[in-house]
Amino acid sequence: MTRRTRRNHSPAFKAKVALAAIKGDKTLAELAQQYDVHPNQITSWKAQLVNAAAGVFGSGSAKEATTPVDLKALHAKIGELALENDFLAGALGKAGLLSAKR
């Protein structure tokens, strides 16, 4: 008996199979044979779809809830910190406390 290699199904395929299971036109055994997937896997995908369905009709997407990032301010901060590092490395090198090059 040969082992089947592990298959990774796309989200679109999972949604199609789960929607077919929710419709109820065919039994789980028929769907499993049609899509070549174990019936327990179809049941799992169906449960995931039902649990996540409320998010589709939510009050907004998750992307809108996050605050926008100001890239100019971040780049300015990076430049400021790099300038401070260079200055401090030079000052410590001149004082002989720490080698400027590591």
Protein backbone atom coordinates (compact mmCIF):
# COMPACT_ATOMS: atom_id res chain seq x y z
CA MET A 1 0.00 0.00 0.00
CA THR A 2 1.50 3.33 -1.02
CA ARG A 3 1.12 6.49 0.99
CA ARG A 4 -0.46 9.53 -0.58
CA THR A 5 1.65 12.68 -0.41
CA ARG A 6 0.29 15.53 1.66
CA ARG A 7 -1.90 17.84 -0.41
CA ASN A 8 -2.39 21.54 0.15
CA HIS A 9 -5.72 22.82 -1.07
CA SER A 10 -6.25 26.43 -2.10
CA PRO A 11 -8.67 28.61 -0.14
CA ALA A 12 -10.88 28.85 -3.25
CA PHE A 13 -11.14 25.05 -3.44
CA LYS A 14 -11.96 24.80 0.27
CA ALA A 15 -14.66 27.45 -0.07
CA LYS A 16 -16.18 25.68 -3.09
CA VAL A 17 -16.33 22.35 -1.26
CA ALA A 18 -17.68 23.92 1.95
CA LEU A 19 -20.39 25.80 0.04
CA ALA A 20 -21.40 22.59 -1.71
CA ALA A 21 -21.69 20.91 1.70
CA ILE A 22 -23.80 23.76 3.05
CA LYS A 23 -26.16 23.60 0.07
CA GLY A 24 -26.98 20.03 0.99
CA ASP A 25 -27.72 18.85 -2.58
CA LYS A 26 -25.35 15.91 -2.13
CA THR A 27 -24.33 13.85 0.87
CA LEU A 28 -20.89 14.14 2.46
CA ALA A 29 -19.91 10.79 0.96
CA GLU A 30 -20.86 11.96 -2.53
CA LEU A 31 -18.98 15.23 -2.10
CA ALA A 32 -15.95 13.39 -0.74
CA GLN A 33 -15.89 11.12 -3.77
CA GLN A 34 -16.47 13.99 -6.19
CA TYR A 35 -13.72 16.23 -4.80
CA ASP A 36 -11.41 13.39 -3.63
CA VAL A 37 -11.33 14.68 -0.04
CA HIS A 38 -12.10 12.89 3.22
CA PRO A 39 -15.61 13.56 4.64
CA ASN A 40 -14.14 14.71 7.97
CA GLN A 41 -12.15 17.36 6.09
CA ILE A 42 -15.30 18.61 4.38
CA THR A 43 -17.04 18.84 7.76
CA SER A 44 -14.11 20.81 9.16
CA TRP A 45 -14.10 23.27 6.23
CA LYS A 46 -17.86 23.67 6.52
CA ALA A 47 -17.57 24.53 10.23
CA GLN A 48 -14.79 27.04 9.51
CA LEU A 49 -16.91 28.70 6.83
CA VAL A 50 -19.93 28.96 9.11
CA ASN A 51 -17.84 30.39 11.97
CA ALA A 52 -16.13 32.98 9.76
CA ALA A 53 -19.27 34.00 7.84
CA ALA A 54 -20.11 36.73 10.36
CA GLY A 55 -16.86 38.50 9.47
CA VAL A 56 -18.02 38.95 5.90
CA PHE A 57 -20.93 41.12 7.01
CA GLY A 58 -18.97 42.92 9.74
CA SER A 59 -18.92 46.68 10.30
CA GLY A 60 -15.68 47.14 8.37
CA SER A 61 -12.56 45.42 7.27
CA ALA A 62 -9.62 44.84 9.55
CA LYS A 63 -7.40 46.98 7.34
CA GLU A 64 -9.50 50.07 8.04
CA ALA A 65 -9.22 49.53 11.79
CA THR A 66 -5.44 49.86 11.82
CA THR A 67 -3.89 53.31 12.02
CA PRO A 68 -2.05 54.49 8.90
CA VAL A 69 1.74 54.58 9.09
CA ASP A 70 3.53 57.84 8.29
CA LEU A 71 6.53 56.68 6.27
CA LYS A 72 8.12 60.13 6.05
CA ALA A 73 8.22 60.43 9.84
CA LEU A 74 9.72 56.95 10.17
CA HIS A 75 12.42 57.67 7.58
CA ALA A 76 13.22 60.96 9.34
CA LYS A 77 13.58 59.12 12.66
CA ILE A 78 15.89 56.53 11.06
CA GLY A 79 18.09 59.31 9.68
CA GLU A 80 18.15 61.08 13.03
CA LEU A 81 19.20 57.91 14.88
CA ALA A 82 21.87 57.11 12.30
CA LEU A 83 23.30 60.62 12.70
CA GLU A 84 23.36 60.24 16.49
CA ASN A 85 25.11 56.86 16.22
CA ASP A 86 27.79 58.30 13.92
CA PHE A 87 28.34 61.27 16.22
CA LEU A 88 28.61 59.16 19.36
CA ALA A 89 30.93 56.64 17.70
CA GLY A 90 33.22 59.47 16.62
CA ALA A 91 33.16 61.12 20.05
CA LEU A 92 33.96 57.86 21.84
CA GLY A 93 36.73 57.13 19.38
CA LYS A 94 38.34 60.55 19.96
CA ALA A 95 38.07 60.13 23.73
CA GLY A 96 39.76 56.75 23.50
CA LEU A 97 37.01 55.06 25.50
CA LEU A 98 35.77 52.79 22.78
CA SER A 99 37.02 51.83 19.40
CA ALA A 100 34.86 53.43 16.68
CA LYS A 101 35.20 50.31 14.55
CA ARG A 102 34.06 47.01 15.95
